[in-house]
N, C-alpha and C. Protein backbone atom coordinates (compact mmCIF):
# COMPACT_ATOMS: atom_id res chain seq x y z
N UNK A 1 0.84 -1.16 0.00
CA UNK A 1 0.00 0.00 0.00
C UNK A 1 0.90 1.24 0.00
N UNK A 2 0.60 2.16 -0.89
CA UNK A 2 1.39 3.39 -0.99
C UNK A 2 1.18 4.25 0.26
N UNK A 3 2.18 5.05 0.58
CA UNK A 3 2.11 5.93 1.75
C UNK A 3 1.40 7.24 1.45
N UNK A 4 1.08 7.47 0.18
CA UNK A 4 0.30 8.63 -0.25
C UNK A 4 -0.77 8.15 -1.22
N UNK A 5 -1.79 8.95 -1.42
CA UNK A 5 -2.84 8.58 -2.36
C UNK A 5 -2.36 8.87 -3.78
N UNK A 6 -2.31 7.86 -4.64
CA UNK A 6 -1.88 8.08 -6.02
C UNK A 6 -2.81 9.05 -6.75
N UNK A 7 -2.26 9.81 -7.68
CA UNK A 7 -3.05 10.73 -8.49
C UNK A 7 -3.73 9.91 -9.59
N UNK A 8 -5.03 10.00 -9.67
CA UNK A 8 -5.75 9.26 -10.72
C UNK A 8 -5.53 9.94 -12.06
N UNK A 9 -5.65 9.17 -13.11
CA UNK A 9 -5.51 9.73 -14.46
C UNK A 9 -6.58 10.79 -14.70
N UNK A 10 -7.77 10.56 -14.18
CA UNK A 10 -8.89 11.48 -14.38
C UNK A 10 -8.64 12.82 -13.68
N UNK A 11 -7.92 12.82 -12.57
CA UNK A 11 -7.67 14.03 -11.81
C UNK A 11 -6.42 14.78 -12.28
N UNK A 12 -5.64 14.18 -13.16
CA UNK A 12 -4.39 14.77 -13.62
C UNK A 12 -4.66 16.00 -14.49
N UNK A 13 -3.91 17.07 -14.20
CA UNK A 13 -4.00 18.29 -15.01
C UNK A 13 -2.58 18.81 -15.25
N UNK A 14 -2.47 19.74 -16.15
CA UNK A 14 -1.20 20.43 -16.39
C UNK A 14 -0.04 19.50 -16.65
N UNK A 15 1.05 19.73 -15.92
CA UNK A 15 2.29 18.97 -16.08
C UNK A 15 2.05 17.48 -15.86
N UNK A 16 1.26 17.13 -14.86
CA UNK A 16 0.99 15.72 -14.56
C UNK A 16 0.28 15.05 -15.72
N UNK A 17 -0.74 15.70 -16.26
CA UNK A 17 -1.48 15.13 -17.39
C UNK A 17 -0.56 14.95 -18.59
N UNK A 18 0.32 15.92 -18.83
CA UNK A 18 1.25 15.82 -19.96
C UNK A 18 2.23 14.67 -19.78
N UNK A 19 2.76 14.51 -18.57
CA UNK A 19 3.69 13.40 -18.31
C UNK A 19 2.95 12.07 -18.41
N UNK A 20 1.77 12.00 -17.86
CA UNK A 20 0.99 10.75 -17.95
C UNK A 20 0.77 10.37 -19.42
N UNK A 21 0.42 11.33 -20.26
CA UNK A 21 0.19 11.05 -21.68
C UNK A 21 1.49 10.58 -22.35
N UNK A 22 2.60 11.19 -21.97
CA UNK A 22 3.88 10.80 -22.54
C UNK A 22 4.28 9.39 -22.10
N UNK A 23 4.03 9.06 -20.86
CA UNK A 23 4.32 7.71 -20.35
C UNK A 23 3.55 6.67 -21.17
N UNK A 24 2.26 6.91 -21.34
CA UNK A 24 1.43 5.94 -22.09
C UNK A 24 1.88 5.83 -23.54
N UNK A 25 2.20 6.96 -24.16
CA UNK A 25 2.63 6.93 -25.57
C UNK A 25 3.99 6.27 -25.72
N UNK A 26 4.94 6.64 -24.87
CA UNK A 26 6.30 6.10 -24.97
C UNK A 26 6.33 4.60 -24.69
N UNK A 27 5.61 4.17 -23.66
CA UNK A 27 5.61 2.76 -23.28
C UNK A 27 4.58 1.94 -24.04
N UNK A 28 3.75 2.62 -24.85
CA UNK A 28 2.70 1.95 -25.62
C UNK A 28 1.80 1.12 -24.71
N UNK A 29 1.29 1.79 -23.66
CA UNK A 29 0.40 1.16 -22.70
C UNK A 29 -0.88 1.98 -22.59
N UNK A 30 -1.91 1.39 -22.01
CA UNK A 30 -3.21 2.05 -21.95
C UNK A 30 -3.53 2.66 -20.59
N UNK A 31 -2.63 2.52 -19.62
CA UNK A 31 -2.87 3.06 -18.28
C UNK A 31 -1.56 3.58 -17.72
N UNK A 32 -1.65 4.41 -16.71
CA UNK A 32 -0.47 4.93 -16.04
C UNK A 32 -0.18 4.04 -14.83
N UNK A 33 0.97 3.38 -14.80
CA UNK A 33 1.31 2.51 -13.67
C UNK A 33 1.38 3.26 -12.34
N UNK A 34 1.18 2.52 -11.28
CA UNK A 34 1.12 3.09 -9.93
C UNK A 34 2.34 3.91 -9.55
N UNK A 35 3.53 3.49 -9.94
CA UNK A 35 4.74 4.25 -9.60
C UNK A 35 4.59 5.71 -10.01
N UNK A 36 4.15 5.91 -11.24
CA UNK A 36 4.04 7.27 -11.78
C UNK A 36 2.89 8.03 -11.13
N UNK A 37 1.83 7.34 -10.80
CA UNK A 37 0.68 7.98 -10.16
C UNK A 37 1.06 8.46 -8.75
N UNK A 38 1.90 7.70 -8.06
CA UNK A 38 2.37 8.12 -6.73
C UNK A 38 3.35 9.29 -6.86
N UNK A 39 4.29 9.19 -7.79
CA UNK A 39 5.24 10.29 -7.98
C UNK A 39 4.54 11.57 -8.40
N UNK A 40 3.37 11.45 -8.98
CA UNK A 40 2.61 12.63 -9.44
C UNK A 40 2.13 13.50 -8.29
N UNK A 41 2.25 13.02 -7.06
CA UNK A 41 1.88 13.88 -5.92
C UNK A 41 2.85 15.07 -5.83
N UNK A 42 3.99 14.97 -6.49
CA UNK A 42 4.93 16.09 -6.62
C UNK A 42 5.24 16.20 -8.11
N UNK A 43 4.52 17.06 -8.83
CA UNK A 43 4.66 17.12 -10.29
C UNK A 43 6.08 17.35 -10.80
N UNK A 44 6.87 18.17 -10.09
CA UNK A 44 8.24 18.40 -10.54
C UNK A 44 9.08 17.14 -10.43
N UNK A 45 8.89 16.40 -9.35
CA UNK A 45 9.63 15.14 -9.18
C UNK A 45 9.20 14.12 -10.22
N UNK A 46 7.90 14.04 -10.46
CA UNK A 46 7.38 13.14 -11.51
C UNK A 46 8.07 13.44 -12.83
N UNK A 47 8.09 14.71 -13.21
CA UNK A 47 8.69 15.10 -14.48
C UNK A 47 10.18 14.77 -14.52
N UNK A 48 10.89 15.03 -13.44
CA UNK A 48 12.32 14.76 -13.36
C UNK A 48 12.62 13.26 -13.52
N UNK A 49 11.91 12.43 -12.75
CA UNK A 49 12.16 10.99 -12.81
C UNK A 49 11.76 10.43 -14.18
N UNK A 50 10.61 10.86 -14.70
CA UNK A 50 10.16 10.37 -16.01
C UNK A 50 11.14 10.78 -17.10
N UNK A 51 11.59 12.03 -17.10
CA UNK A 51 12.52 12.50 -18.12
C UNK A 51 13.81 11.69 -18.10
N UNK A 52 14.30 11.41 -16.91
CA UNK A 52 15.53 10.61 -16.77
C UNK A 52 15.30 9.18 -17.25
N UNK A 53 14.19 8.56 -16.80
CA UNK A 53 13.91 7.19 -17.22
C UNK A 53 13.71 7.11 -18.73
N UNK A 54 12.98 8.05 -19.28
CA UNK A 54 12.73 8.04 -20.72
C UNK A 54 14.03 8.13 -21.50
N UNK A 55 14.93 9.02 -21.08
CA UNK A 55 16.20 9.20 -21.77
C UNK A 55 17.07 7.94 -21.72
N UNK A 56 17.03 7.24 -20.61
CA UNK A 56 17.90 6.07 -20.43
C UNK A 56 17.26 4.78 -20.94
N UNK A 57 15.99 4.59 -20.63
CA UNK A 57 15.32 3.33 -20.99
C UNK A 57 14.63 3.38 -22.36
N UNK A 58 14.35 4.58 -22.85
CA UNK A 58 13.67 4.73 -24.15
C UNK A 58 14.38 5.80 -24.99
N UNK A 59 15.69 5.63 -25.23
CA UNK A 59 16.43 6.68 -25.95
C UNK A 59 15.87 6.95 -27.34
N UNK A 60 15.30 5.92 -27.97
CA UNK A 60 14.73 6.10 -29.30
C UNK A 60 13.59 7.12 -29.28
N UNK A 61 12.88 7.20 -28.16
CA UNK A 61 11.78 8.16 -28.03
C UNK A 61 12.31 9.58 -27.89
N UNK A 62 13.59 9.70 -27.57
CA UNK A 62 14.24 11.01 -27.43
C UNK A 62 15.09 11.34 -28.65
N UNK A 63 14.98 10.50 -29.70
CA UNK A 63 15.73 10.74 -30.91
C UNK A 63 17.19 10.32 -30.85
N UNK A 64 17.52 9.44 -29.91
CA UNK A 64 18.89 8.97 -29.78
C UNK A 64 18.96 7.47 -30.06
N UNK A 65 20.10 7.06 -30.55
CA UNK A 65 20.36 5.63 -30.72
C UNK A 65 20.99 5.11 -29.43
N UNK A 66 20.93 3.81 -29.24
CA UNK A 66 21.54 3.20 -28.07
C UNK A 66 22.37 2.00 -28.51
N UNK A 67 23.46 1.76 -27.84
CA UNK A 67 24.29 0.57 -28.10
C UNK A 67 23.66 -0.66 -27.45
N UNK A 68 22.72 -0.43 -26.51
CA UNK A 68 22.03 -1.54 -25.84
C UNK A 68 20.62 -1.65 -26.39
N UNK A 69 20.21 -2.87 -26.70
CA UNK A 69 18.84 -3.02 -27.17
C UNK A 69 17.88 -2.99 -25.98
N UNK A 70 16.59 -2.79 -26.24
CA UNK A 70 15.62 -2.67 -25.14
C UNK A 70 15.61 -3.86 -24.19
N UNK A 71 15.77 -5.08 -24.71
CA UNK A 71 15.78 -6.25 -23.84
C UNK A 71 16.96 -6.21 -22.88
N UNK A 72 18.13 -5.85 -23.36
CA UNK A 72 19.31 -5.77 -22.49
C UNK A 72 19.08 -4.72 -21.40
N UNK A 73 18.55 -3.56 -21.78
CA UNK A 73 18.27 -2.53 -20.77
C UNK A 73 17.30 -3.04 -19.72
N UNK A 74 16.26 -3.74 -20.14
CA UNK A 74 15.27 -4.27 -19.19
C UNK A 74 15.86 -5.38 -18.32
N UNK A 75 16.74 -6.21 -18.88
CA UNK A 75 17.38 -7.26 -18.07
C UNK A 75 18.24 -6.61 -16.99
N UNK A 76 18.96 -5.57 -17.34
CA UNK A 76 19.77 -4.86 -16.34
C UNK A 76 18.86 -4.29 -15.26
N UNK A 77 17.76 -3.66 -15.66
CA UNK A 77 16.82 -3.08 -14.69
C UNK A 77 16.25 -4.18 -13.79
N UNK A 78 15.94 -5.33 -14.36
CA UNK A 78 15.42 -6.44 -13.57
C UNK A 78 16.47 -6.94 -12.58
N UNK A 79 17.71 -7.08 -13.03
CA UNK A 79 18.78 -7.57 -12.15
C UNK A 79 18.99 -6.63 -10.97
N UNK A 80 19.03 -5.33 -11.23
CA UNK A 80 19.22 -4.36 -10.15
C UNK A 80 18.01 -4.37 -9.22
N UNK A 81 16.81 -4.45 -9.78
CA UNK A 81 15.59 -4.47 -8.97
C UNK A 81 15.55 -5.69 -8.07
N UNK A 82 15.95 -6.84 -8.60
CA UNK A 82 15.98 -8.06 -7.77
C UNK A 82 17.02 -7.91 -6.67
N UNK A 83 18.18 -7.37 -7.00
CA UNK A 83 19.24 -7.17 -6.01
C UNK A 83 18.79 -6.22 -4.91
N UNK A 84 18.07 -5.16 -5.31
CA UNK A 84 17.60 -4.17 -4.33
C UNK A 84 16.35 -4.63 -3.58
N UNK A 85 15.75 -5.73 -4.01
CA UNK A 85 14.58 -6.26 -3.31
C UNK A 85 13.31 -5.45 -3.53
N UNK A 86 13.18 -4.82 -4.69
CA UNK A 86 11.99 -4.01 -4.99
C UNK A 86 10.95 -4.86 -5.72
N UNK A 87 9.95 -5.33 -5.00
CA UNK A 87 8.93 -6.20 -5.58
C UNK A 87 8.19 -5.50 -6.73
N UNK A 88 7.89 -4.22 -6.56
CA UNK A 88 7.19 -3.48 -7.62
C UNK A 88 8.02 -3.53 -8.91
N UNK A 89 9.31 -3.19 -8.80
CA UNK A 89 10.17 -3.12 -9.98
C UNK A 89 10.47 -4.51 -10.55
N UNK A 90 10.63 -5.51 -9.70
CA UNK A 90 10.85 -6.87 -10.20
C UNK A 90 9.67 -7.29 -11.07
N UNK A 91 8.45 -7.04 -10.59
CA UNK A 91 7.27 -7.41 -11.38
C UNK A 91 7.19 -6.61 -12.66
N UNK A 92 7.43 -5.31 -12.58
CA UNK A 92 7.35 -4.44 -13.76
C UNK A 92 8.37 -4.85 -14.82
N UNK A 93 9.61 -5.06 -14.41
CA UNK A 93 10.66 -5.39 -15.38
C UNK A 93 10.58 -6.84 -15.84
N UNK A 94 10.04 -7.74 -15.01
CA UNK A 94 9.78 -9.10 -15.48
C UNK A 94 8.72 -9.06 -16.58
N UNK A 95 7.66 -8.29 -16.37
CA UNK A 95 6.63 -8.13 -17.41
C UNK A 95 7.25 -7.58 -18.69
N UNK A 96 8.15 -6.61 -18.55
CA UNK A 96 8.78 -5.99 -19.72
C UNK A 96 9.66 -6.98 -20.48
N UNK A 97 10.49 -7.75 -19.77
CA UNK A 97 11.37 -8.70 -20.48
C UNK A 97 10.56 -9.80 -21.14
N UNK A 98 9.48 -10.21 -20.49
CA UNK A 98 8.62 -11.23 -21.10
C UNK A 98 7.95 -10.67 -22.36
N UNK A 99 7.48 -9.41 -22.29
CA UNK A 99 6.87 -8.75 -23.44
C UNK A 99 7.86 -8.63 -24.59
N UNK A 100 9.14 -8.46 -24.25
CA UNK A 100 10.19 -8.33 -25.27
C UNK A 100 10.71 -9.68 -25.76
N UNK A 101 10.12 -10.79 -25.27
CA UNK A 101 10.43 -12.10 -25.81
C UNK A 101 11.28 -13.02 -24.97
N UNK A 102 11.67 -12.61 -23.77
CA UNK A 102 12.48 -13.49 -22.92
C UNK A 102 11.58 -14.60 -22.37
N UNK A 103 11.94 -15.85 -22.61
CA UNK A 103 11.11 -16.96 -22.11
C UNK A 103 11.47 -17.27 -20.65
N UNK A 104 10.69 -18.15 -20.02
CA UNK A 104 10.89 -18.42 -18.59
C UNK A 104 12.23 -19.09 -18.31
N UNK A 105 12.72 -19.90 -19.25
CA UNK A 105 14.03 -20.53 -19.04
C UNK A 105 15.13 -19.47 -19.02
N UNK A 106 15.07 -18.54 -19.95
CA UNK A 106 16.06 -17.46 -19.98
C UNK A 106 15.91 -16.55 -18.76
N UNK A 107 14.67 -16.33 -18.33
CA UNK A 107 14.44 -15.55 -17.11
C UNK A 107 15.11 -16.23 -15.92
N UNK A 108 15.01 -17.54 -15.84
CA UNK A 108 15.69 -18.29 -14.79
C UNK A 108 17.20 -18.14 -14.87
N UNK A 109 17.72 -18.09 -16.09
CA UNK A 109 19.16 -17.89 -16.27
C UNK A 109 19.58 -16.50 -15.78
N UNK A 110 18.78 -15.50 -16.10
CA UNK A 110 19.06 -14.14 -15.61
C UNK A 110 19.10 -14.14 -14.09
N UNK A 111 18.10 -14.75 -13.46
CA UNK A 111 18.05 -14.76 -11.99
C UNK A 111 19.21 -15.57 -11.40
N UNK A 112 19.66 -16.62 -12.10
CA UNK A 112 20.82 -17.39 -11.63
C UNK A 112 22.08 -16.52 -11.65
N UNK A 113 22.25 -15.72 -12.70
CA UNK A 113 23.39 -14.81 -12.78
C UNK A 113 23.31 -13.76 -11.67
N UNK A 114 22.12 -13.21 -11.46
CA UNK A 114 21.92 -12.22 -10.40
C UNK A 114 22.29 -12.82 -9.04
N UNK A 115 21.77 -14.00 -8.76
CA UNK A 115 22.05 -14.65 -7.49
C UNK A 115 23.52 -14.97 -7.30
N UNK A 116 24.15 -15.47 -8.37
CA UNK A 116 25.57 -15.80 -8.31
C UNK A 116 26.41 -14.57 -7.96
N UNK A 117 26.15 -13.46 -8.66
CA UNK A 117 26.98 -12.29 -8.44
C UNK A 117 26.63 -11.53 -7.17
N UNK A 118 25.41 -11.68 -6.68
CA UNK A 118 25.13 -11.14 -5.34
C UNK A 118 25.96 -11.88 -4.31
N UNK A 119 26.12 -13.20 -4.50
CA UNK A 119 26.94 -14.00 -3.59
C UNK A 119 28.42 -13.66 -3.71
N UNK A 120 28.95 -13.70 -4.94
CA UNK A 120 30.39 -13.46 -5.10
C UNK A 120 30.76 -12.02 -4.75
N UNK A 121 29.89 -11.05 -5.05
CA UNK A 121 30.16 -9.65 -4.65
C UNK A 121 30.22 -9.54 -3.14
N UNK A 122 29.29 -10.19 -2.45
CA UNK A 122 29.28 -10.14 -0.99
C UNK A 122 30.54 -10.78 -0.42
N UNK A 123 30.99 -11.89 -1.00
CA UNK A 123 32.20 -12.55 -0.52
C UNK A 123 33.44 -11.69 -0.76
N UNK A 124 33.54 -11.13 -1.96
CA UNK A 124 34.70 -10.28 -2.26
C UNK A 124 34.73 -9.06 -1.35
N UNK A 125 33.57 -8.50 -1.08
CA UNK A 125 33.48 -7.34 -0.20
C UNK A 125 33.81 -7.74 1.24
N UNK A 126 33.25 -8.85 1.69
CA UNK A 126 33.48 -9.29 3.07
C UNK A 126 34.95 -9.60 3.33
N UNK A 127 35.63 -10.20 2.34
CA UNK A 127 37.04 -10.51 2.49
C UNK A 127 37.95 -9.33 2.15
N UNK A 128 37.34 -8.20 1.68
CA UNK A 128 38.13 -7.02 1.31
C UNK A 128 39.22 -7.37 0.31
N UNK A 129 38.84 -8.13 -0.72
CA UNK A 129 39.81 -8.59 -1.72
C UNK A 129 40.20 -7.42 -2.63
N UNK A 130 41.51 -7.22 -2.77
CA UNK A 130 42.01 -6.15 -3.62
C UNK A 130 41.86 -6.53 -5.09
N UNK A 131 41.30 -5.65 -5.92
CA UNK A 131 41.14 -5.96 -7.34
C UNK A 131 42.48 -6.20 -8.01
N UNK A 132 42.56 -7.26 -8.83
CA UNK A 132 43.78 -7.55 -9.56
C UNK A 132 43.50 -7.79 -11.04
N UNK A 133 42.24 -7.76 -11.42
CA UNK A 133 41.85 -7.86 -12.83
C UNK A 133 41.14 -6.55 -13.15
N UNK A 134 41.80 -5.71 -13.95
CA UNK A 134 41.30 -4.37 -14.20
C UNK A 134 40.96 -4.18 -15.66
N UNK A 135 39.96 -3.35 -15.94
CA UNK A 135 39.61 -3.08 -17.35
C UNK A 135 40.67 -2.20 -17.99
N UNK A 136 40.74 -2.23 -19.32
CA UNK A 136 41.71 -1.36 -20.01
C UNK A 136 41.35 0.11 -19.79
N UNK A 137 42.33 0.96 -19.85
CA UNK A 137 42.13 2.39 -19.59
C UNK A 137 41.91 3.19 -20.87
N UNK A 138 41.41 2.60 -21.90
CA UNK A 138 41.22 3.26 -23.21
C UNK A 138 40.57 4.59 -23.07
């Protein structure tokens, strides 16, 4: 249950109504998800978060190309959401990866990678292991 009353689509005006319309058009959906309706209680914050998400997760909608395809971006979002324990985001990004064609076996593989690296990251951090494999400095 949200800690504030979400703004309904019917009650949205001005900046909120414009952002809601952009969310639906960009994501090609017929409703405004709860996250955005809750953020709409502060229209400036709603606009800020949506603008940032749109630029990063939907660069094509901003007229930019991306080196990452939409499925890869959503898999990353799902992995971080699972690591952070955000049930809302895990469900949202699982729906997105499935919509983009990821089957349940591949979803299981994604979660196996997430689980593995949550474990190995925790071990490396706990042991304070000094990095010895470094990326090139190009």
